[in-house]
N, C-alpha and C. Protein backbone atom coordinates (compact mmCIF):
# COMPACT_ATOMS: atom_id res chain seq x y z
N MET A 1 -15.82 25.57 21.84
CA MET A 1 -17.21 25.56 22.42
C MET A 1 -17.22 24.97 23.78
N SER A 2 -16.61 25.80 24.58
CA SER A 2 -16.70 24.93 26.00
C SER A 2 -17.16 23.53 26.35
N GLU A 3 -17.33 22.49 26.86
CA GLU A 3 -18.51 21.68 27.57
C GLU A 3 -19.96 22.10 27.96
N ALA A 4 -20.67 21.42 27.46
CA ALA A 4 -22.05 21.94 28.53
C ALA A 4 -21.71 21.50 30.16
N PRO A 5 -21.89 21.95 30.52
CA PRO A 5 -20.98 22.00 32.82
C PRO A 5 -22.53 20.85 33.72
N LEU A 6 -22.74 20.11 32.58
CA LEU A 6 -23.89 18.97 32.49
C LEU A 6 -23.84 17.82 33.73
N PRO A 7 -21.84 17.39 33.35
CA PRO A 7 -21.28 16.93 34.32
C PRO A 7 -21.20 16.80 35.67
N ALA A 8 -20.67 18.35 35.65
CA ALA A 8 -20.54 18.49 37.37
C ALA A 8 -21.58 18.96 37.85
N ILE A 9 -22.77 19.09 36.51
CA ILE A 9 -24.00 19.90 38.06
C ILE A 9 -23.93 18.21 38.38
N ARG A 10 -24.52 16.60 37.98
CA ARG A 10 -25.01 16.03 38.05
C ARG A 10 -23.88 15.25 39.34
N SER A 11 -22.78 16.13 39.17
CA SER A 11 -22.47 14.87 40.55
C SER A 11 -22.33 15.27 41.71
N LEU A 12 -23.52 16.52 41.77
CA LEU A 12 -23.94 16.70 42.02
C LEU A 12 -24.43 16.25 44.33
N PRO A 13 -24.33 15.98 44.92
CA PRO A 13 -24.49 15.26 45.47
C PRO A 13 -26.56 16.53 45.86
N SER A 14 -26.21 16.92 46.07
CA SER A 14 -27.86 18.06 45.76
C SER A 14 -28.94 18.00 44.48
N TRP A 15 -28.35 17.25 43.23
CA TRP A 15 -28.66 17.74 42.57
C TRP A 15 -28.94 15.96 42.31
N LEU A 16 -27.97 15.03 42.47
CA LEU A 16 -28.47 13.41 42.82
C LEU A 16 -29.93 13.56 43.76
N LEU A 17 -29.67 13.99 44.61
CA LEU A 17 -30.99 13.71 45.72
C LEU A 17 -32.59 14.88 45.57
N GLY A 18 -31.52 15.71 44.51
CA GLY A 18 -33.31 15.89 43.92
C GLY A 18 -33.74 15.12 42.72
N ARG A 19 -33.07 14.79 41.99
CA ARG A 19 -33.38 13.35 41.56
C ARG A 19 -34.02 12.29 41.88
N ALA A 20 -33.16 11.52 42.72
CA ALA A 20 -33.62 10.16 43.76
C ALA A 20 -35.21 11.06 44.22
N ALA A 21 -35.28 11.89 44.43
CA ALA A 21 -37.06 13.04 45.29
C ALA A 21 -37.58 12.48 44.43
N ALA A 22 -36.86 12.94 42.89
CA ALA A 22 -38.32 13.10 42.23
C ALA A 22 -38.84 11.92 41.99
N ARG A 23 -38.39 10.66 41.41
CA ARG A 23 -38.62 9.80 41.40
C ARG A 23 -39.54 8.81 42.13
N GLY A 24 -38.87 8.93 44.07
CA GLY A 24 -39.19 8.96 45.15
C GLY A 24 -41.26 9.28 44.94
N ARG A 25 -41.14 9.89 44.94
CA ARG A 25 -42.03 10.95 44.98
C ARG A 25 -43.19 10.89 43.61
N THR A 26 -42.11 10.31 42.65
CA THR A 26 -43.30 10.13 41.20
C THR A 26 -43.54 8.19 41.47
N LEU A 27 -42.93 7.18 42.06
CA LEU A 27 -43.79 6.11 42.51
C LEU A 27 -44.40 6.39 43.93
N VAL A 28 -44.68 7.16 44.87
CA VAL A 28 -45.52 6.94 45.44
C VAL A 28 -46.20 8.04 44.84
N ALA A 29 -47.35 8.59 44.37
CA ALA A 29 -47.51 9.29 44.09
C ALA A 29 -47.85 8.48 42.45
N GLU A 30 -47.68 7.79 42.47
CA GLU A 30 -48.17 6.08 41.12
C GLU A 30 -49.34 5.28 42.44
N ALA A 31 -47.96 5.40 43.42
CA ALA A 31 -48.92 3.97 44.42
C ALA A 31 -49.97 4.43 45.00
N LEU A 32 -50.15 5.84 44.83
CA LEU A 32 -51.23 6.19 46.17
C LEU A 32 -52.58 6.25 45.29
N ALA A 33 -52.56 6.67 43.88
CA ALA A 33 -53.46 6.59 42.51
C ALA A 33 -54.01 5.88 43.21
N GLU A 34 -53.03 4.78 42.79
CA GLU A 34 -53.96 3.91 42.55
C GLU A 34 -55.54 3.49 43.91
N GLU A 35 -55.12 4.33 44.51
CA GLU A 35 -55.91 4.21 46.18
C GLU A 35 -56.79 5.04 45.49
N ASP A 36 -56.86 5.59 44.86
CA ASP A 36 -57.58 6.72 43.88
C ASP A 36 -57.12 8.51 45.57
N MET A 37 -55.86 8.43 45.86
CA MET A 37 -55.38 9.82 46.73
C MET A 37 -54.24 9.56 46.68
N ARG A 38 -54.26 11.37 46.50
CA ARG A 38 -52.55 12.24 45.92
C ARG A 38 -52.12 12.21 47.35
N MET A 39 -51.10 12.88 47.08
CA MET A 39 -50.06 12.99 47.84
C MET A 39 -50.35 14.20 49.46
N TRP A 40 -50.99 15.43 48.98
CA TRP A 40 -51.14 16.43 49.97
C TRP A 40 -51.98 15.62 50.98
N HIS A 41 -52.94 14.89 50.49
CA HIS A 41 -54.65 13.77 51.31
C HIS A 41 -54.08 12.84 52.12
N HIS A 42 -53.23 12.07 51.60
CA HIS A 42 -52.64 11.35 52.22
C HIS A 42 -51.55 12.19 53.69
N VAL A 43 -50.22 12.73 52.81
CA VAL A 43 -51.07 13.34 54.59
C VAL A 43 -51.38 14.25 55.04
N VAL A 44 -52.40 15.11 54.84
CA VAL A 44 -53.52 14.82 56.43
C VAL A 44 -53.71 14.12 56.30
N LEU A 45 -54.20 12.84 56.27
CA LEU A 45 -55.42 11.88 56.71
C LEU A 45 -53.93 11.34 57.55
N SER A 46 -52.93 10.84 57.38
CA SER A 46 -51.60 10.52 57.93
C SER A 46 -50.99 11.50 59.64
N ALA A 47 -51.15 12.44 58.85
CA ALA A 47 -51.46 13.08 60.28
C ALA A 47 -52.54 13.46 60.98
N VAL A 48 -54.48 13.74 60.91
CA VAL A 48 -55.45 13.80 61.69
C VAL A 48 -55.29 12.05 62.05
N ARG A 49 -54.92 11.17 61.58
CA ARG A 49 -54.23 10.05 62.52
C ARG A 49 -53.26 10.08 63.57
N ASP A 50 -52.30 10.65 63.18
CA ASP A 50 -51.72 11.12 64.10
C ASP A 50 -51.77 11.73 65.56
N LEU A 51 -52.84 13.04 64.96
CA LEU A 51 -52.65 14.27 66.14
C LEU A 51 -54.39 13.88 66.78
N GLY A 52 -55.10 13.24 66.36
CA GLY A 52 -56.46 13.79 66.24
C GLY A 52 -56.62 12.74 67.40
N PRO A 53 -57.83 13.75 67.84
CA PRO A 53 -58.42 14.15 66.88
C PRO A 53 -57.60 16.11 67.09
N VAL A 54 -57.20 16.82 66.45
CA VAL A 54 -56.37 17.85 66.21
C VAL A 54 -57.94 18.94 65.77
N ALA A 55 -57.47 20.09 65.87
CA ALA A 55 -57.70 20.83 65.72
C ALA A 55 -57.20 21.41 64.20
N GLN A 56 -58.48 22.14 63.24
CA GLN A 56 -57.70 21.96 62.27
C GLN A 56 -56.50 23.66 61.40
N ALA A 57 -56.60 24.16 62.53
CA ALA A 57 -54.81 25.01 62.31
C ALA A 57 -54.13 24.65 62.77
N ASP A 58 -53.98 23.62 63.84
CA ASP A 58 -52.99 23.19 64.16
C ASP A 58 -52.24 22.32 63.20
N LEU A 59 -54.00 21.86 62.45
CA LEU A 59 -53.10 20.21 62.29
C LEU A 59 -52.24 21.14 60.81
N GLY A 60 -52.53 21.83 60.29
CA GLY A 60 -52.00 23.00 58.87
C GLY A 60 -50.73 23.40 59.37
N ARG A 61 -50.49 23.95 60.60
CA ARG A 61 -49.32 24.15 61.28
C ARG A 61 -48.29 22.67 61.43
N GLY A 62 -49.02 22.14 61.82
CA GLY A 62 -48.20 20.59 62.11
C GLY A 62 -47.47 20.43 60.90
N ILE A 63 -48.11 20.48 59.95
CA ILE A 63 -47.80 19.97 58.46
C ILE A 63 -47.76 20.93 57.05
N GLY A 64 -47.84 22.36 58.13
CA GLY A 64 -46.03 23.41 57.32
C GLY A 64 -47.29 23.36 55.61
N LEU A 65 -48.50 23.52 55.92
CA LEU A 65 -49.91 23.77 54.96
C LEU A 65 -50.64 24.75 54.71
N ASP A 66 -50.53 25.54 54.01
CA ASP A 66 -51.97 26.74 54.22
C ASP A 66 -52.69 26.73 53.76
N PRO A 67 -53.14 27.98 55.41
CA PRO A 67 -54.57 26.77 55.71
C PRO A 67 -55.83 26.72 53.94
N LYS A 68 -55.51 27.72 53.48
CA LYS A 68 -56.69 27.51 52.39
C LYS A 68 -56.71 26.10 51.86
N ASP A 69 -55.24 25.96 51.91
CA ASP A 69 -55.57 25.18 50.52
C ASP A 69 -55.35 23.01 51.80
N LEU A 70 -55.53 23.36 53.19
CA LEU A 70 -55.52 23.16 54.34
C LEU A 70 -58.14 22.57 53.73
N VAL A 71 -58.53 23.86 53.69
CA VAL A 71 -59.76 22.86 54.03
C VAL A 71 -60.50 22.57 52.82
N GLY A 72 -59.82 23.01 51.32
CA GLY A 72 -60.09 22.61 49.85
C GLY A 72 -59.80 20.72 50.36
N ILE A 73 -58.55 20.30 50.54
CA ILE A 73 -57.93 18.80 51.61
C ILE A 73 -59.54 18.63 52.08
N LEU A 74 -59.10 19.29 53.40
CA LEU A 74 -60.11 18.51 53.84
C LEU A 74 -61.56 18.59 53.87
N ASP A 75 -61.60 19.17 52.37
CA ASP A 75 -63.41 18.89 52.13
C ASP A 75 -63.17 17.88 50.67
N ASP A 76 -62.11 17.63 51.05
CA ASP A 76 -62.09 16.19 49.11
C ASP A 76 -62.12 14.78 50.52
N LEU A 77 -61.86 15.30 51.73
CA LEU A 77 -61.87 14.55 52.78
C LEU A 77 -62.55 13.65 53.05
N GLN A 78 -63.48 14.52 54.06
CA GLN A 78 -64.65 14.67 54.63
C GLN A 78 -65.32 14.36 53.21
N SER A 79 -65.96 14.72 52.28
CA SER A 79 -67.01 14.55 51.55
C SER A 79 -67.19 13.23 51.14
N ALA A 80 -65.18 12.74 51.43
CA ALA A 80 -65.67 10.62 50.93
C ALA A 80 -65.31 10.22 52.26
N ASP A 81 -66.46 11.20 53.32
CA ASP A 81 -66.33 10.42 54.41
C ASP A 81 -64.65 9.78 55.31
N LEU A 82 -64.16 9.60 55.50
CA LEU A 82 -62.50 10.09 54.67
C LEU A 82 -62.25 10.27 56.60
N VAL A 83 -62.15 11.80 56.91
CA VAL A 83 -62.28 12.02 58.38
C VAL A 83 -63.37 13.22 58.67
N LEU A 84 -63.98 13.68 59.55
CA LEU A 84 -64.92 14.58 60.27
C LEU A 84 -64.45 15.37 60.78
N ARG A 85 -64.79 17.20 60.97
CA ARG A 85 -64.66 17.52 61.66
C ARG A 85 -66.33 18.43 61.64
N GLU A 86 -66.02 18.30 63.19
CA GLU A 86 -66.22 19.25 64.64
C GLU A 86 -66.36 19.94 65.35
N PRO A 87 -67.61 20.43 66.27
CA PRO A 87 -67.13 21.82 66.90
C PRO A 87 -66.32 21.18 67.78
N ASP A 88 -64.44 21.85 68.60
CA ASP A 88 -63.05 21.15 68.85
C ASP A 88 -64.43 21.09 70.65
N PRO A 89 -64.11 20.37 71.65
CA PRO A 89 -64.99 20.77 72.64
C PRO A 89 -64.42 21.79 73.51
N ARG A 90 -63.12 21.28 73.25
CA ARG A 90 -62.34 22.11 74.32
C ARG A 90 -62.70 23.98 73.61
N ASP A 91 -63.15 23.91 72.59
CA ASP A 91 -63.01 25.17 72.56
C ASP A 91 -63.98 25.80 71.74
N ARG A 92 -65.44 25.76 71.55
CA ARG A 92 -66.47 25.32 70.42
C ARG A 92 -65.91 26.21 69.19
N ARG A 93 -65.28 26.75 68.99
CA ARG A 93 -64.40 28.95 67.94
C ARG A 93 -64.37 27.68 66.50
N LYS A 94 -63.13 26.63 66.90
CA LYS A 94 -62.56 26.12 66.48
C LYS A 94 -63.50 24.28 65.89
N ASN A 95 -62.22 23.63 64.27
CA ASN A 95 -62.41 22.62 64.44
C ASN A 95 -62.06 21.43 64.93
N ALA A 96 -62.55 20.41 65.43
CA ALA A 96 -61.56 19.61 65.31
C ALA A 96 -62.01 18.01 64.54
N VAL A 97 -60.38 18.09 63.66
CA VAL A 97 -60.36 16.54 63.21
C VAL A 97 -60.53 14.69 63.26
N SER A 98 -60.76 14.79 62.83
CA SER A 98 -60.86 12.98 63.49
C SER A 98 -60.40 12.16 62.14
N LEU A 99 -60.56 11.37 62.49
CA LEU A 99 -60.12 10.35 61.16
C LEU A 99 -61.93 9.15 61.37
N THR A 100 -62.56 8.74 60.50
CA THR A 100 -63.62 8.00 60.40
C THR A 100 -62.72 6.97 59.98
N PRO A 101 -64.23 5.39 60.46
CA PRO A 101 -63.47 4.12 59.95
C PRO A 101 -62.87 4.43 58.44
N ARG A 102 -63.26 4.93 57.59
CA ARG A 102 -63.14 4.27 56.54
C ARG A 102 -62.06 5.10 56.00
N GLY A 103 -61.42 5.95 56.85
CA GLY A 103 -60.48 6.95 56.07
C GLY A 103 -58.82 6.13 57.45
N ALA A 104 -59.67 5.44 57.88
CA ALA A 104 -58.58 4.69 58.91
C ALA A 104 -58.25 3.12 57.48
N ARG A 105 -58.84 3.09 57.40
CA ARG A 105 -58.54 1.30 55.89
C ARG A 105 -58.00 1.72 55.45
N LEU A 106 -58.41 3.00 54.51
CA LEU A 106 -57.62 3.79 53.21
C LEU A 106 -56.21 4.09 53.35
N LEU A 107 -56.37 4.66 55.29
CA LEU A 107 -54.38 4.73 55.19
C LEU A 107 -53.83 3.71 55.57
N LYS A 108 -54.33 2.82 56.15
CA LYS A 108 -53.47 1.50 55.56
C LYS A 108 -53.08 0.73 54.34
N ARG A 109 -54.42 1.13 53.55
CA ARG A 109 -53.87 0.35 52.29
C ARG A 109 -52.92 1.64 51.71
N CYS A 110 -53.36 3.05 51.36
CA CYS A 110 -52.43 3.99 51.32
C CYS A 110 -50.96 3.61 52.19
N GLU A 111 -50.77 3.73 52.94
CA GLU A 111 -48.90 3.61 53.72
C GLU A 111 -48.50 2.39 53.26
N LYS A 112 -49.45 0.91 53.04
CA LYS A 112 -48.50 -0.16 52.44
C LYS A 112 -47.88 0.09 51.02
N ALA A 113 -49.39 0.52 50.18
CA ALA A 113 -48.39 0.69 48.93
C ALA A 113 -47.26 1.76 48.65
N ALA A 114 -47.86 2.78 49.80
CA ALA A 114 -45.97 3.70 50.11
C ALA A 114 -44.97 3.24 49.97
N ARG A 115 -45.07 2.52 51.15
CA ARG A 115 -44.54 1.03 51.08
C ARG A 115 -43.61 0.37 50.58
N ALA A 116 -44.48 -0.02 49.54
CA ALA A 116 -43.69 -0.69 48.78
C ALA A 116 -42.94 -0.13 47.16
N ALA A 117 -43.74 1.50 47.26
CA ALA A 117 -43.00 1.82 46.48
C ALA A 117 -41.48 2.86 46.57
N ASN A 118 -41.63 2.91 47.69
CA ASN A 118 -40.12 3.05 48.59
C ASN A 118 -39.05 1.85 48.11
N ASP A 119 -39.64 0.92 48.34
CA ASP A 119 -38.90 -1.12 47.63
C ASP A 119 -38.87 -0.63 46.88
N GLU A 120 -39.13 -0.52 46.15
CA GLU A 120 -39.60 -0.07 45.33
C GLU A 120 -37.72 1.08 44.55
N LEU A 121 -37.76 2.51 45.29
CA LEU A 121 -36.89 3.00 45.26
C LEU A 121 -35.66 3.23 45.53
N LEU A 122 -35.94 1.98 46.18
CA LEU A 122 -34.50 2.17 47.30
C LEU A 122 -34.32 0.15 46.80
N ALA A 123 -34.57 -0.41 45.86
CA ALA A 123 -34.42 -1.93 45.57
C ALA A 123 -32.49 -1.67 45.21
N PRO A 124 -32.20 -0.79 44.48
CA PRO A 124 -30.76 -1.83 44.28
C PRO A 124 -29.54 -1.85 46.05
N LEU A 125 -30.60 -1.26 46.68
CA LEU A 125 -29.51 -1.13 47.62
C LEU A 125 -29.51 -2.32 48.62
N SER A 126 -28.40 -3.01 48.95
CA SER A 126 -28.96 -3.55 50.48
C SER A 126 -30.04 -2.77 51.48
N ALA A 127 -30.69 -4.25 52.21
CA ALA A 127 -30.46 -4.28 53.45
C ALA A 127 -29.63 -2.80 54.66
N ALA A 128 -28.92 -3.40 55.17
CA ALA A 128 -27.70 -3.00 55.55
C ALA A 128 -27.75 -1.41 55.37
N GLU A 129 -27.59 -1.12 53.42
CA GLU A 129 -27.39 -0.40 53.10
C GLU A 129 -28.69 0.95 53.06
N ARG A 130 -29.88 0.43 52.98
CA ARG A 130 -30.39 0.99 53.41
C ARG A 130 -30.45 1.47 54.85
N GLU A 131 -30.45 0.50 55.96
CA GLU A 131 -31.10 1.81 56.73
C GLU A 131 -28.87 1.81 57.10
N GLN A 132 -28.69 2.32 56.66
CA GLN A 132 -27.26 3.62 55.85
C GLN A 132 -28.17 4.58 55.47
N PHE A 133 -27.99 4.59 54.02
CA PHE A 133 -28.55 5.65 53.55
C PHE A 133 -29.66 6.50 54.74
N THR A 134 -30.38 5.92 55.13
CA THR A 134 -31.70 6.08 55.40
C THR A 134 -31.18 7.82 56.58
N GLY A 135 -30.40 6.34 57.39
CA GLY A 135 -29.96 7.42 57.97
C GLY A 135 -29.37 8.74 57.75
N MET A 136 -28.21 8.21 56.37
CA MET A 136 -27.16 9.94 56.34
C MET A 136 -28.76 10.54 55.60
N LEU A 137 -29.63 10.34 55.89
CA LEU A 137 -30.20 11.72 54.56
C LEU A 137 -30.75 12.31 56.31
N ARG A 138 -31.89 11.97 57.21
CA ARG A 138 -32.22 11.67 58.11
C ARG A 138 -30.52 12.50 58.45
N ARG A 139 -29.89 12.73 59.07
CA ARG A 139 -28.73 13.32 59.07
C ARG A 139 -28.83 15.34 58.31
N ILE A 140 -27.95 14.78 56.96
CA ILE A 140 -28.23 16.09 56.41
C ILE A 140 -29.41 16.16 55.52
N SER A 141 -30.56 16.27 56.85
CA SER A 141 -32.04 16.56 56.50
C SER A 141 -32.56 17.72 58.27
N GLY A 142 -31.13 17.74 58.24
CA GLY A 142 -32.09 17.95 59.51
C GLY A 142 -33.16 17.19 60.97
N ALA A 143 -33.21 16.13 60.20
CA ALA A 143 -35.12 15.46 60.94
C ALA A 143 -34.26 14.34 61.82
N ASP A 144 -33.05 14.20 61.87
CA ASP A 144 -32.67 13.47 63.12
C ASP A 144 -32.24 14.60 64.63
N GLY A 145 -33.28 13.43 64.67
CA GLY A 145 -32.95 13.77 66.15
C GLY A 145 -34.12 13.94 67.12
């Protein structure tokens, strides 16, 4: 009987990155849950802050989220008074999304919680190792540049 291939698989960088990413997502999701926020809601809130006011369609394309999913998230965020959807002054057929003051305050708390979760994820690394590791991740993820 041959040995299971797990040692070979578990030594692959893709396996290790997947495990680290899953742990990171869990830590961030738990931290955001303390603020009553979900991951995609946080992504949308952050993108609205960075891009807003932004056309709803442009927002969805910018973060790679299906329009139907985006509508549901925006409905949630608007009902919680975190974003505002109004007719886009440049094109009244489109909705422009902007952050409310309450949304901005919550986003600050969520960003602090997400940073703390990432600090926990990278706690075994020194500051220099964290910087080097993050740089390597940027290069292999295609996010560098």
